[in-house]
């Protein structure tokens, strides 16, 4: 039986808005599935409902981190920008990418905890496949300056997972405490299509 992603989206929306984060929908370029700024998450309705659920959960996890540890979060992204400007090589760059990956994994930890908390633990495995692929695609982007086209990258990723070539490490659930969303510079959620 297929997961009712309409129910997942509705339950996510209720849970997230109870944490004082407003959920908006706005048509954007297909390469931009969403954006968030702390008090709001905007989801692009041109993406399929399953992906919208995953981006909503992950964005909420990111807002949680930014709100609880704003200076640490700023430092992760500033160090990554500086390391890319200095050149995409060497231990400083590698450390910056590793810190960014840890930030994204922690965001997913909050996301899978949230999915479990709202009674949708059945979507955690496909969420994990999706966001492990997203982290890998964005790592390619940070290292090369060019993100691989998502549809092909994700299709290949799923094929490699199904064949056993890639093992998807589960995200460790990380509880979402009560927090007050802080306004941050708008963070774009990107997904290369060409």
N, C-alpha and C. Protein backbone atom coordinates (compact mmCIF):
# COMPACT_ATOMS: atom_id res chain seq x y z
N UNK A 1 0.84 -1.18 0.00
CA UNK A 1 0.00 0.00 0.00
C UNK A 1 0.89 1.25 0.00
N UNK A 2 0.62 2.14 -0.92
CA UNK A 2 1.42 3.36 -1.05
C UNK A 2 1.19 4.28 0.15
N UNK A 3 2.24 4.97 0.53
CA UNK A 3 2.13 5.93 1.63
C UNK A 3 1.25 7.09 1.19
N UNK A 4 0.41 7.55 2.04
CA UNK A 4 -0.46 8.69 1.75
C UNK A 4 0.33 9.97 2.05
N UNK A 5 1.08 10.46 1.06
CA UNK A 5 1.92 11.63 1.29
C UNK A 5 1.11 12.88 1.57
N UNK A 6 -0.15 12.92 1.16
CA UNK A 6 -0.99 14.06 1.52
C UNK A 6 -1.15 14.12 3.04
N UNK A 7 -1.32 12.96 3.66
CA UNK A 7 -1.43 12.90 5.12
C UNK A 7 -0.10 13.27 5.77
N UNK A 8 1.00 12.78 5.21
CA UNK A 8 2.32 13.12 5.74
C UNK A 8 2.53 14.63 5.69
N UNK A 9 2.23 15.23 4.53
CA UNK A 9 2.43 16.67 4.38
C UNK A 9 1.57 17.44 5.38
N UNK A 10 0.31 17.04 5.51
CA UNK A 10 -0.58 17.72 6.45
C UNK A 10 -0.11 17.58 7.88
N UNK A 11 0.34 16.39 8.26
CA UNK A 11 0.83 16.18 9.62
C UNK A 11 2.12 16.95 9.88
N UNK A 12 3.00 16.98 8.87
CA UNK A 12 4.23 17.78 9.00
C UNK A 12 3.88 19.25 9.18
N UNK A 13 2.97 19.72 8.36
CA UNK A 13 2.59 21.13 8.42
C UNK A 13 2.04 21.49 9.79
N UNK A 14 1.16 20.65 10.34
CA UNK A 14 0.61 20.92 11.69
C UNK A 14 1.72 20.94 12.74
N UNK A 15 2.63 19.97 12.67
CA UNK A 15 3.71 19.88 13.66
C UNK A 15 4.63 21.09 13.56
N UNK A 16 5.00 21.45 12.34
CA UNK A 16 5.94 22.55 12.15
C UNK A 16 5.31 23.89 12.52
N UNK A 17 4.07 24.11 12.12
CA UNK A 17 3.43 25.38 12.47
C UNK A 17 3.22 25.50 13.98
N UNK A 18 3.10 24.36 14.67
CA UNK A 18 3.02 24.40 16.14
C UNK A 18 4.33 24.86 16.75
N UNK A 19 5.41 24.84 15.96
CA UNK A 19 6.71 25.36 16.41
C UNK A 19 6.94 26.78 15.88
N UNK A 20 5.85 27.45 15.53
CA UNK A 20 5.88 28.85 15.09
C UNK A 20 6.64 29.09 13.79
N UNK A 21 6.66 28.07 12.93
CA UNK A 21 7.24 28.22 11.59
C UNK A 21 6.07 28.14 10.60
N UNK A 22 5.92 29.17 9.80
CA UNK A 22 4.83 29.24 8.84
C UNK A 22 5.23 28.49 7.56
N UNK A 23 4.29 27.73 6.99
CA UNK A 23 4.52 26.99 5.75
C UNK A 23 3.79 27.71 4.63
N UNK A 24 4.53 28.09 3.61
CA UNK A 24 3.97 28.77 2.44
C UNK A 24 4.19 27.90 1.21
N UNK A 25 3.39 28.13 0.20
CA UNK A 25 3.56 27.46 -1.09
C UNK A 25 3.67 28.55 -2.14
N UNK A 26 4.69 28.45 -2.98
CA UNK A 26 4.86 29.43 -4.06
C UNK A 26 5.55 28.75 -5.24
N UNK A 27 5.00 28.98 -6.40
CA UNK A 27 5.60 28.44 -7.62
C UNK A 27 6.93 29.15 -7.87
N UNK A 28 7.99 28.35 -8.02
CA UNK A 28 9.32 28.88 -8.28
C UNK A 28 9.91 28.10 -9.45
N UNK A 29 11.09 28.46 -9.85
CA UNK A 29 11.79 27.70 -10.88
C UNK A 29 11.90 26.24 -10.44
N UNK A 30 11.81 25.32 -11.36
CA UNK A 30 11.83 23.89 -11.03
C UNK A 30 13.10 23.49 -10.28
N UNK A 31 14.20 24.22 -10.49
CA UNK A 31 15.46 23.89 -9.82
C UNK A 31 15.48 24.35 -8.36
N UNK A 32 14.42 24.99 -7.93
CA UNK A 32 14.34 25.48 -6.55
C UNK A 32 13.11 24.86 -5.87
N UNK A 33 13.29 23.70 -5.22
CA UNK A 33 12.16 23.04 -4.55
C UNK A 33 11.63 23.81 -3.34
N UNK A 34 12.42 24.73 -2.82
CA UNK A 34 11.96 25.48 -1.67
C UNK A 34 13.00 26.45 -1.17
N UNK A 35 12.62 27.15 -0.10
CA UNK A 35 13.52 28.07 0.58
C UNK A 35 13.00 28.26 2.00
N UNK A 36 13.88 28.71 2.87
CA UNK A 36 13.46 28.99 4.25
C UNK A 36 14.30 30.10 4.83
N UNK A 37 13.71 30.78 5.82
CA UNK A 37 14.41 31.90 6.44
C UNK A 37 14.30 31.90 7.97
N UNK A 38 13.85 30.79 8.52
CA UNK A 38 13.66 30.68 9.97
C UNK A 38 12.19 30.68 10.32
N UNK A 39 11.52 31.84 10.25
CA UNK A 39 10.10 31.86 10.58
C UNK A 39 9.21 31.27 9.48
N UNK A 40 9.75 31.08 8.27
CA UNK A 40 8.93 30.53 7.19
C UNK A 40 9.70 29.49 6.38
N UNK A 41 8.94 28.55 5.85
CA UNK A 41 9.44 27.60 4.84
C UNK A 41 8.50 27.75 3.66
N UNK A 42 9.07 27.95 2.49
CA UNK A 42 8.28 28.05 1.27
C UNK A 42 8.59 26.84 0.40
N UNK A 43 7.55 26.12 0.03
CA UNK A 43 7.70 24.90 -0.76
C UNK A 43 7.16 25.15 -2.17
N UNK A 44 7.88 24.66 -3.15
CA UNK A 44 7.52 24.81 -4.56
C UNK A 44 6.55 23.68 -4.95
N UNK A 45 5.31 24.01 -5.34
CA UNK A 45 4.33 22.97 -5.64
C UNK A 45 4.57 22.23 -6.96
N UNK A 46 5.56 22.64 -7.76
CA UNK A 46 5.79 21.93 -9.01
C UNK A 46 6.47 20.57 -8.78
N UNK A 47 7.01 20.37 -7.59
CA UNK A 47 7.65 19.09 -7.28
C UNK A 47 6.60 18.11 -6.78
N UNK A 48 6.90 16.81 -6.94
CA UNK A 48 5.91 15.82 -6.51
C UNK A 48 5.76 15.88 -4.99
N UNK A 49 4.62 15.39 -4.52
CA UNK A 49 4.26 15.51 -3.11
C UNK A 49 5.25 14.81 -2.20
N UNK A 50 5.75 13.65 -2.61
CA UNK A 50 6.73 12.94 -1.79
C UNK A 50 7.96 13.81 -1.55
N UNK A 51 8.52 14.39 -2.62
CA UNK A 51 9.70 15.25 -2.48
C UNK A 51 9.38 16.47 -1.64
N UNK A 52 8.20 17.05 -1.80
CA UNK A 52 7.82 18.21 -0.99
C UNK A 52 7.81 17.87 0.49
N UNK A 53 7.33 16.66 0.82
CA UNK A 53 7.36 16.23 2.23
C UNK A 53 8.79 16.16 2.75
N UNK A 54 9.67 15.59 1.95
CA UNK A 54 11.07 15.45 2.38
C UNK A 54 11.73 16.81 2.55
N UNK A 55 11.51 17.72 1.59
CA UNK A 55 12.11 19.05 1.69
C UNK A 55 11.54 19.82 2.88
N UNK A 56 10.26 19.65 3.16
CA UNK A 56 9.65 20.31 4.30
C UNK A 56 10.26 19.82 5.61
N UNK A 57 10.38 18.50 5.75
CA UNK A 57 10.96 17.93 6.98
C UNK A 57 12.42 18.36 7.14
N UNK A 58 13.18 18.32 6.05
CA UNK A 58 14.60 18.68 6.13
C UNK A 58 14.78 20.18 6.42
N UNK A 59 13.98 21.01 5.78
CA UNK A 59 14.07 22.45 6.04
C UNK A 59 13.77 22.76 7.50
N UNK A 60 12.78 22.07 8.06
CA UNK A 60 12.46 22.26 9.48
C UNK A 60 13.65 21.84 10.34
N UNK A 61 14.29 20.74 10.01
CA UNK A 61 15.48 20.31 10.75
C UNK A 61 16.59 21.35 10.69
N UNK A 62 16.75 21.97 9.52
CA UNK A 62 17.77 23.02 9.38
C UNK A 62 17.41 24.25 10.21
N UNK A 63 16.14 24.63 10.19
CA UNK A 63 15.71 25.79 10.99
C UNK A 63 15.94 25.52 12.47
N UNK A 64 15.70 24.29 12.89
CA UNK A 64 15.95 23.93 14.29
C UNK A 64 17.41 24.18 14.64
N UNK A 65 18.32 23.70 13.80
CA UNK A 65 19.75 23.90 14.06
C UNK A 65 20.13 25.37 14.07
N UNK A 66 19.67 26.10 13.04
CA UNK A 66 19.98 27.53 12.98
C UNK A 66 19.47 28.24 14.23
N UNK A 67 18.27 27.90 14.66
CA UNK A 67 17.65 28.59 15.79
C UNK A 67 18.33 28.27 17.12
N UNK A 68 18.77 27.03 17.27
CA UNK A 68 19.39 26.62 18.53
C UNK A 68 20.88 26.97 18.60
N UNK A 69 21.53 27.01 17.44
CA UNK A 69 22.99 27.20 17.41
C UNK A 69 23.36 28.14 16.26
N UNK A 70 22.84 29.35 16.28
CA UNK A 70 22.98 30.23 15.12
C UNK A 70 24.43 30.56 14.80
N UNK A 71 25.26 30.81 15.79
CA UNK A 71 26.66 31.16 15.49
C UNK A 71 27.41 29.96 14.89
N UNK A 72 27.15 28.80 15.42
CA UNK A 72 27.78 27.58 14.89
C UNK A 72 27.33 27.34 13.44
N UNK A 73 26.04 27.51 13.17
CA UNK A 73 25.52 27.32 11.82
C UNK A 73 26.12 28.34 10.86
N UNK A 74 26.16 29.60 11.27
CA UNK A 74 26.78 30.64 10.42
C UNK A 74 28.22 30.28 10.09
N UNK A 75 28.92 29.80 11.09
CA UNK A 75 30.33 29.48 10.89
C UNK A 75 30.50 28.34 9.87
N UNK A 76 29.63 27.34 9.93
CA UNK A 76 29.71 26.23 8.97
C UNK A 76 29.61 26.75 7.55
N UNK A 77 28.62 27.60 7.30
CA UNK A 77 28.38 28.09 5.95
C UNK A 77 29.41 29.14 5.53
N UNK A 78 29.84 29.97 6.46
CA UNK A 78 30.88 30.95 6.14
C UNK A 78 32.21 30.26 5.84
N UNK A 79 32.58 29.27 6.64
CA UNK A 79 33.82 28.53 6.38
C UNK A 79 33.77 27.83 5.03
N UNK A 80 32.62 27.29 4.67
CA UNK A 80 32.49 26.64 3.36
C UNK A 80 32.65 27.66 2.24
N UNK A 81 32.01 28.82 2.36
CA UNK A 81 32.16 29.87 1.33
C UNK A 81 33.62 30.30 1.21
N UNK A 82 34.27 30.53 2.34
CA UNK A 82 35.66 30.97 2.31
C UNK A 82 36.57 29.90 1.71
N UNK A 83 36.33 28.65 2.06
CA UNK A 83 37.17 27.55 1.54
C UNK A 83 36.98 27.40 0.04
N UNK A 84 35.77 27.60 -0.45
CA UNK A 84 35.55 27.51 -1.90
C UNK A 84 36.22 28.68 -2.62
N UNK A 85 36.18 29.85 -2.01
CA UNK A 85 36.82 31.02 -2.60
C UNK A 85 38.34 30.83 -2.67
N UNK A 86 38.90 30.22 -1.63
CA UNK A 86 40.34 30.00 -1.55
C UNK A 86 40.81 28.89 -2.50
N UNK A 87 39.91 28.09 -2.98
CA UNK A 87 40.26 26.97 -3.85
C UNK A 87 39.69 25.68 -3.31
N UNK A 88 39.22 24.88 -4.18
CA UNK A 88 38.52 23.66 -3.77
C UNK A 88 39.48 22.50 -3.56
N UNK A 89 40.53 22.73 -2.77
CA UNK A 89 41.50 21.68 -2.51
C UNK A 89 42.09 21.87 -1.12
N UNK A 90 42.62 20.81 -0.59
CA UNK A 90 43.37 20.90 0.65
C UNK A 90 42.56 20.60 1.88
N UNK A 91 43.28 20.48 3.02
CA UNK A 91 42.64 20.08 4.27
C UNK A 91 41.61 21.09 4.78
N UNK A 92 41.83 22.39 4.57
CA UNK A 92 40.86 23.39 5.03
C UNK A 92 39.54 23.21 4.28
N UNK A 93 39.63 23.00 2.98
CA UNK A 93 38.42 22.78 2.18
C UNK A 93 37.74 21.48 2.61
N UNK A 94 38.52 20.42 2.78
CA UNK A 94 37.95 19.13 3.19
C UNK A 94 37.23 19.23 4.54
N UNK A 95 37.81 19.98 5.48
CA UNK A 95 37.17 20.18 6.79
C UNK A 95 35.87 20.97 6.65
N UNK A 96 35.88 21.97 5.79
CA UNK A 96 34.68 22.79 5.58
C UNK A 96 33.55 21.95 4.98
N UNK A 97 33.87 21.11 4.01
CA UNK A 97 32.86 20.23 3.41
C UNK A 97 32.37 19.22 4.44
N UNK A 98 33.27 18.67 5.23
CA UNK A 98 32.88 17.70 6.26
C UNK A 98 31.95 18.34 7.29
N UNK A 99 32.22 19.59 7.69
CA UNK A 99 31.36 20.28 8.65
C UNK A 99 29.98 20.55 8.04
N UNK A 100 29.96 20.93 6.76
CA UNK A 100 28.68 21.14 6.08
C UNK A 100 27.89 19.84 6.02
N UNK A 101 28.57 18.73 5.66
CA UNK A 101 27.89 17.43 5.61
C UNK A 101 27.31 17.06 6.98
N UNK A 102 28.05 17.33 8.03
CA UNK A 102 27.55 17.04 9.38
C UNK A 102 26.32 17.88 9.70
N UNK A 103 26.34 19.14 9.29
CA UNK A 103 25.17 20.01 9.48
C UNK A 103 23.96 19.41 8.78
N UNK A 104 24.14 18.97 7.54
CA UNK A 104 23.03 18.40 6.77
C UNK A 104 22.55 17.08 7.38
N UNK A 105 23.47 16.28 7.88
CA UNK A 105 23.07 15.03 8.52
C UNK A 105 22.29 15.30 9.81
N UNK A 106 22.70 16.31 10.56
CA UNK A 106 21.97 16.65 11.77
C UNK A 106 20.58 17.18 11.42
N UNK A 107 20.47 17.97 10.36
CA UNK A 107 19.16 18.43 9.90
C UNK A 107 18.28 17.23 9.58
N UNK A 108 18.85 16.23 8.93
CA UNK A 108 18.09 15.02 8.62
C UNK A 108 17.79 14.22 9.89
N UNK A 109 18.66 14.28 10.88
CA UNK A 109 18.35 13.64 12.16
C UNK A 109 17.11 14.24 12.79
N UNK A 110 17.01 15.58 12.74
CA UNK A 110 15.80 16.24 13.24
C UNK A 110 14.59 15.86 12.38
N UNK A 111 14.81 15.75 11.08
CA UNK A 111 13.71 15.41 10.16
C UNK A 111 13.16 14.01 10.44
N UNK A 112 14.05 13.02 10.60
CA UNK A 112 13.54 11.66 10.82
C UNK A 112 12.91 11.53 12.20
N UNK A 113 13.43 12.25 13.18
CA UNK A 113 12.78 12.26 14.50
C UNK A 113 11.37 12.83 14.36
N UNK A 114 11.24 13.92 13.61
CA UNK A 114 9.94 14.55 13.40
C UNK A 114 8.98 13.60 12.69
N UNK A 115 9.46 12.92 11.64
CA UNK A 115 8.61 11.98 10.92
C UNK A 115 8.11 10.87 11.85
N UNK A 116 8.99 10.39 12.71
CA UNK A 116 8.59 9.37 13.68
C UNK A 116 7.60 9.94 14.69
N UNK A 117 7.87 11.13 15.17
CA UNK A 117 7.04 11.78 16.18
C UNK A 117 5.61 11.99 15.69
N UNK A 118 5.44 12.26 14.40
CA UNK A 118 4.09 12.50 13.87
C UNK A 118 3.44 11.21 13.35
N UNK A 119 4.12 10.08 13.58
CA UNK A 119 3.52 8.79 13.24
C UNK A 119 3.75 8.31 11.83
N UNK A 120 4.80 8.81 11.18
CA UNK A 120 5.09 8.40 9.80
C UNK A 120 6.49 7.80 9.68
N UNK A 121 6.80 6.87 10.58
CA UNK A 121 8.12 6.23 10.51
C UNK A 121 8.29 5.42 9.23
N UNK A 122 7.18 5.09 8.55
CA UNK A 122 7.25 4.33 7.30
C UNK A 122 7.92 5.12 6.18
N UNK A 123 7.96 6.45 6.28
CA UNK A 123 8.60 7.23 5.22
C UNK A 123 10.06 7.55 5.54
N UNK A 124 10.54 7.11 6.69
CA UNK A 124 11.94 7.37 7.04
C UNK A 124 12.90 6.66 6.08
N UNK A 125 12.70 5.38 5.73
CA UNK A 125 13.64 4.76 4.77
C UNK A 125 13.70 5.47 3.41
N UNK A 126 12.56 5.80 2.76
CA UNK A 126 12.69 6.51 1.49
C UNK A 126 13.22 7.93 1.66
N UNK A 127 12.89 8.59 2.78
CA UNK A 127 13.47 9.90 3.07
C UNK A 127 14.99 9.78 3.12
N UNK A 128 15.47 8.73 3.79
CA UNK A 128 16.92 8.54 3.96
C UNK A 128 17.61 8.31 2.63
N UNK A 129 17.00 7.52 1.76
CA UNK A 129 17.57 7.32 0.42
C UNK A 129 17.64 8.66 -0.30
N UNK A 130 16.56 9.42 -0.24
CA UNK A 130 16.47 10.71 -0.93
C UNK A 130 17.52 11.68 -0.41
N UNK A 131 17.60 11.85 0.92
CA UNK A 131 18.52 12.86 1.44
C UNK A 131 19.97 12.41 1.49
N UNK A 132 20.23 11.13 1.53
CA UNK A 132 21.63 10.69 1.36
C UNK A 132 22.08 11.03 -0.05
N UNK A 133 21.18 10.84 -1.03
CA UNK A 133 21.51 11.21 -2.41
C UNK A 133 21.69 12.72 -2.53
N UNK A 134 20.81 13.49 -1.89
CA UNK A 134 20.91 14.95 -1.94
C UNK A 134 22.24 15.43 -1.37
N UNK A 135 22.64 14.87 -0.24
CA UNK A 135 23.92 15.27 0.36
C UNK A 135 25.07 14.94 -0.58
N UNK A 136 25.02 13.78 -1.22
CA UNK A 136 26.10 13.42 -2.15
C UNK A 136 26.11 14.34 -3.36
N UNK A 137 24.93 14.66 -3.91
CA UNK A 137 24.87 15.56 -5.07
C UNK A 137 25.41 16.94 -4.70
N UNK A 138 25.03 17.44 -3.53
CA UNK A 138 25.52 18.75 -3.11
C UNK A 138 27.01 18.73 -2.77
N UNK A 139 27.51 17.59 -2.32
CA UNK A 139 28.96 17.47 -2.09
C UNK A 139 29.69 17.60 -3.41
N UNK A 140 29.17 16.97 -4.46
CA UNK A 140 29.76 17.13 -5.80
C UNK A 140 29.76 18.61 -6.18
N UNK A 141 28.64 19.29 -5.93
CA UNK A 141 28.55 20.72 -6.23
C UNK A 141 29.62 21.51 -5.47
N UNK A 142 29.74 21.28 -4.18
CA UNK A 142 30.73 22.03 -3.40
C UNK A 142 32.15 21.75 -3.87
N UNK A 143 32.41 20.53 -4.26
CA UNK A 143 33.78 20.16 -4.67
C UNK A 143 34.12 20.60 -6.08
N UNK A 144 33.12 20.67 -6.96
CA UNK A 144 33.41 20.96 -8.38
C UNK A 144 32.83 22.28 -8.87
N UNK A 145 31.86 22.82 -8.13
CA UNK A 145 31.19 24.03 -8.59
C UNK A 145 30.01 23.74 -9.50
N UNK A 146 29.75 22.48 -9.78
CA UNK A 146 28.64 22.11 -10.67
C UNK A 146 27.90 20.93 -10.06
N UNK A 147 26.62 21.16 -9.75
CA UNK A 147 25.81 20.08 -9.19
C UNK A 147 25.37 19.15 -10.32
N UNK A 148 25.43 17.85 -10.10
CA UNK A 148 24.95 16.93 -11.15
C UNK A 148 23.45 17.07 -11.33
N UNK A 149 22.95 16.86 -12.55
CA UNK A 149 21.51 16.94 -12.78
C UNK A 149 20.77 15.94 -11.88
N UNK A 150 19.84 16.45 -11.07
CA UNK A 150 19.18 15.65 -10.06
C UNK A 150 18.43 14.44 -10.60
N UNK A 151 17.59 14.57 -11.61
CA UNK A 151 16.83 13.38 -12.03
C UNK A 151 17.72 12.18 -12.38
N UNK A 152 18.79 12.43 -13.12
CA UNK A 152 19.70 11.35 -13.49
C UNK A 152 20.50 10.86 -12.29
N UNK A 153 20.97 11.81 -11.48
CA UNK A 153 21.76 11.45 -10.30
C UNK A 153 20.93 10.59 -9.35
N UNK A 154 19.70 11.02 -9.08
CA UNK A 154 18.86 10.29 -8.13
C UNK A 154 18.45 8.93 -8.68
N UNK A 155 18.14 8.85 -9.96
CA UNK A 155 17.79 7.56 -10.57
C UNK A 155 18.97 6.59 -10.46
N UNK A 156 20.18 7.09 -10.73
CA UNK A 156 21.36 6.24 -10.62
C UNK A 156 21.61 5.85 -9.16
N UNK A 157 21.41 6.79 -8.25
CA UNK A 157 21.59 6.52 -6.82
C UNK A 157 20.66 5.40 -6.37
N UNK A 158 19.38 5.49 -6.74
CA UNK A 158 18.41 4.46 -6.35
C UNK A 158 18.78 3.11 -6.96
N UNK A 159 19.28 3.11 -8.20
CA UNK A 159 19.71 1.87 -8.83
C UNK A 159 20.87 1.26 -8.04
N UNK A 160 21.82 2.10 -7.64
CA UNK A 160 22.98 1.63 -6.89
C UNK A 160 22.58 1.12 -5.51
N UNK A 161 21.59 1.77 -4.89
CA UNK A 161 21.08 1.31 -3.59
C UNK A 161 20.41 -0.05 -3.77
N UNK A 162 19.56 -0.18 -4.79
CA UNK A 162 18.83 -1.43 -5.03
C UNK A 162 19.77 -2.59 -5.32
N UNK A 163 20.89 -2.31 -6.01
CA UNK A 163 21.85 -3.37 -6.35
C UNK A 163 22.78 -3.71 -5.19
N UNK A 164 22.76 -2.90 -4.13
CA UNK A 164 23.65 -3.13 -3.00
C UNK A 164 24.99 -2.45 -3.14
N UNK A 165 25.20 -1.75 -4.24
CA UNK A 165 26.46 -1.04 -4.46
C UNK A 165 26.63 0.09 -3.45
N UNK A 166 25.51 0.72 -3.08
CA UNK A 166 25.51 1.79 -2.08
C UNK A 166 24.63 1.34 -0.93
N UNK A 167 25.15 1.46 0.27
CA UNK A 167 24.37 1.17 1.46
C UNK A 167 23.97 2.49 2.10
N UNK A 168 22.69 2.68 2.29
CA UNK A 168 22.18 3.94 2.86
C UNK A 168 22.25 3.86 4.37
N UNK A 169 23.11 4.68 4.92
CA UNK A 169 23.24 4.75 6.38
C UNK A 169 22.03 5.49 6.95
N UNK A 170 21.35 4.89 7.91
CA UNK A 170 20.19 5.60 8.50
C UNK A 170 20.65 6.87 9.21
N UNK A 171 19.81 7.88 9.16
CA UNK A 171 20.09 9.09 9.93
C UNK A 171 19.72 8.83 11.39
N UNK A 172 20.56 9.29 12.28
CA UNK A 172 20.30 9.11 13.71
C UNK A 172 19.26 10.13 14.17
N UNK A 173 18.10 9.68 14.66
CA UNK A 173 17.07 10.62 15.09
C UNK A 173 17.60 11.58 16.15
N UNK A 174 17.30 12.84 15.97
CA UNK A 174 17.72 13.87 16.91
C UNK A 174 16.48 14.66 17.33
N UNK A 175 16.08 14.56 18.60
CA UNK A 175 14.86 15.23 19.05
C UNK A 175 14.86 16.74 18.75
N UNK A 176 13.68 17.23 18.48
CA UNK A 176 13.47 18.66 18.26
C UNK A 176 12.93 19.25 19.56
N UNK A 177 13.75 20.02 20.27
CA UNK A 177 13.26 20.65 21.50
C UNK A 177 12.40 21.87 21.14
N UNK A 178 11.73 22.41 22.11
CA UNK A 178 11.03 23.67 21.86
C UNK A 178 12.09 24.72 21.54
N UNK A 179 11.84 25.50 20.52
CA UNK A 179 12.77 26.57 20.17
C UNK A 179 11.97 27.71 19.55
N UNK A 180 12.58 28.85 19.52
CA UNK A 180 11.98 30.01 18.86
C UNK A 180 12.71 30.21 17.55
N UNK A 181 12.00 30.14 16.42
CA UNK A 181 12.68 30.30 15.13
C UNK A 181 13.33 31.68 15.02
N UNK A 182 14.58 31.70 14.61
CA UNK A 182 15.27 32.97 14.40
C UNK A 182 15.34 33.25 12.91
N UNK A 183 15.25 34.51 12.57
CA UNK A 183 15.34 34.89 11.15
C UNK A 183 16.80 34.78 10.70
N UNK A 184 16.96 34.14 9.57
CA UNK A 184 18.29 33.99 8.97
C UNK A 184 18.21 34.44 7.52
N UNK A 185 19.36 34.58 6.91
CA UNK A 185 19.39 34.86 5.47
C UNK A 185 18.68 33.71 4.76
N UNK A 186 17.85 34.04 3.78
CA UNK A 186 17.09 33.01 3.08
C UNK A 186 18.02 31.94 2.53
N UNK A 187 17.70 30.70 2.86
CA UNK A 187 18.45 29.54 2.39
C UNK A 187 17.66 28.89 1.26
N UNK A 188 18.26 28.83 0.08
CA UNK A 188 17.60 28.20 -1.06
C UNK A 188 17.84 26.71 -1.03
N UNK A 189 16.80 25.96 -1.33
CA UNK A 189 16.91 24.52 -1.54
C UNK A 189 17.04 24.37 -3.05
N UNK A 190 18.13 23.78 -3.50
CA UNK A 190 18.40 23.69 -4.93
C UNK A 190 18.44 22.26 -5.41
N UNK A 191 18.11 22.09 -6.70
CA UNK A 191 18.10 20.77 -7.31
C UNK A 191 18.34 20.96 -8.81
N UNK A 192 19.56 20.77 -9.24
CA UNK A 192 19.94 20.99 -10.64
C UNK A 192 19.14 20.08 -11.57
N UNK A 193 18.60 20.66 -12.63
CA UNK A 193 17.80 19.90 -13.59
C UNK A 193 18.49 19.71 -14.94
N UNK A 194 19.49 20.51 -15.26
CA UNK A 194 20.15 20.38 -16.57
C UNK A 194 21.49 19.71 -16.47
